[in-house]
Amino acid sequence: MTKEDIIIPERTLYNTRHTFASLMLTNNESIMWVSQMLGHKTANITFEKYARFIKEDVKNRANFIQKWHIFGTHNNPTRLKAQK
């Protein structure tokens, strides 16, 4: 078998990037980390694009992060519980 006999489909850089993100999230990597690696402005951008690859418990954490981001540290639910 020669290299001419091997057919490898071409992949664009975008396809490789999408594969990377999908594989990382499927394997429970942090959405924040994946978002940073992709250069997204917020984790919400990553979440909207790749939510189907995230297991349910990770989705709950991502929702918490999003709420925390929206309300800021001043109204952070975890901080408010700790103060009581």
Protein backbone atom coordinates (compact mmCIF):
# COMPACT_ATOMS: atom_id res chain seq x y z
CA MET A 1 0.00 0.00 0.00
CA THR A 2 1.36 3.39 -0.95
CA LYS A 3 0.45 6.80 0.37
CA GLU A 4 -1.58 7.36 -2.81
CA ASP A 5 -3.80 4.40 -1.83
CA ILE A 6 -4.77 5.97 1.48
CA ILE A 7 -7.74 8.29 1.32
CA ILE A 8 -7.95 10.75 4.17
CA PRO A 9 -10.68 13.34 3.88
CA GLU A 10 -9.53 16.92 4.13
CA ARG A 11 -10.53 18.78 7.27
CA THR A 12 -10.56 22.50 7.59
CA LEU A 13 -9.10 24.21 10.62
CA TYR A 14 -12.67 25.02 11.71
CA ASN A 15 -13.61 21.30 11.61
CA THR A 16 -10.57 20.42 13.71
CA ARG A 17 -11.48 23.14 16.22
CA HIS A 18 -15.05 21.83 16.44
CA THR A 19 -13.80 18.27 16.93
CA PHE A 20 -11.46 19.43 19.70
CA ALA A 21 -14.26 21.23 21.57
CA SER A 22 -16.70 18.36 21.14
CA LEU A 23 -14.23 15.75 22.38
CA MET A 24 -13.15 17.84 25.37
CA LEU A 25 -16.73 18.50 26.51
CA THR A 26 -17.78 14.89 25.94
CA ASN A 27 -14.93 13.90 28.26
CA ASN A 28 -16.12 16.29 31.01
CA GLU A 29 -13.51 18.98 30.57
CA SER A 30 -14.47 22.30 32.10
CA ILE A 31 -16.60 24.44 29.82
CA MET A 32 -14.67 27.47 31.07
CA TRP A 33 -11.37 25.90 29.99
CA VAL A 34 -12.74 24.86 26.58
CA SER A 35 -14.21 28.33 26.12
CA GLN A 36 -10.83 29.89 26.87
CA MET A 37 -9.05 27.51 24.49
CA LEU A 38 -11.49 28.46 21.72
CA GLY A 39 -11.08 32.15 22.46
CA HIS A 40 -14.77 32.72 23.12
CA LYS A 41 -15.65 35.94 24.92
CA THR A 42 -17.91 34.09 27.39
CA ALA A 43 -18.59 30.49 28.36
CA ASN A 44 -22.18 31.08 27.30
CA ILE A 45 -21.08 31.24 23.65
CA THR A 46 -19.42 27.84 24.04
CA PHE A 47 -22.41 26.46 25.92
CA GLU A 48 -24.88 27.54 23.24
CA LYS A 49 -22.81 25.91 20.48
CA TYR A 50 -21.75 22.71 22.26
CA ALA A 51 -24.44 22.01 24.90
CA ARG A 52 -25.36 18.69 23.29
CA PHE A 53 -21.90 17.33 24.15
CA ILE A 54 -22.11 18.23 27.83
CA LYS A 55 -23.37 15.69 30.33
CA GLU A 56 -26.27 16.84 32.54
CA ASP A 57 -24.29 17.57 35.73
CA VAL A 58 -21.93 19.77 33.73
CA LYS A 59 -24.94 21.60 32.25
CA ASN A 60 -26.09 22.42 35.77
CA ARG A 61 -22.67 23.83 36.62
CA ALA A 62 -22.64 25.87 33.41
CA ASN A 63 -26.07 27.30 34.25
CA PHE A 64 -24.80 28.26 37.71
CA ILE A 65 -21.77 29.97 36.18
CA GLN A 66 -23.98 31.84 33.75
CA LYS A 67 -26.32 33.02 36.54
CA TRP A 68 -23.35 33.98 38.66
CA HIS A 69 -21.91 35.93 35.73
CA ILE A 70 -25.21 37.75 35.11
CA PHE A 71 -25.74 38.72 38.75
CA GLY A 72 -22.07 39.28 39.52
CA THR A 73 -20.21 38.45 42.69
CA HIS A 74 -22.28 40.92 44.72
CA ASN A 75 -25.42 38.79 44.34
CA ASN A 76 -23.70 35.42 44.03
CA PRO A 77 -26.05 32.78 45.56
CA THR A 78 -23.13 30.86 47.11
CA ARG A 79 -21.81 34.01 48.77
CA LEU A 80 -25.25 34.93 50.06
CA LYS A 81 -25.71 31.46 51.63
CA ALA A 82 -22.33 31.71 53.33
CA GLN A 83 -23.27 35.07 54.88
CA LYS A 84 -26.42 33.72 56.58
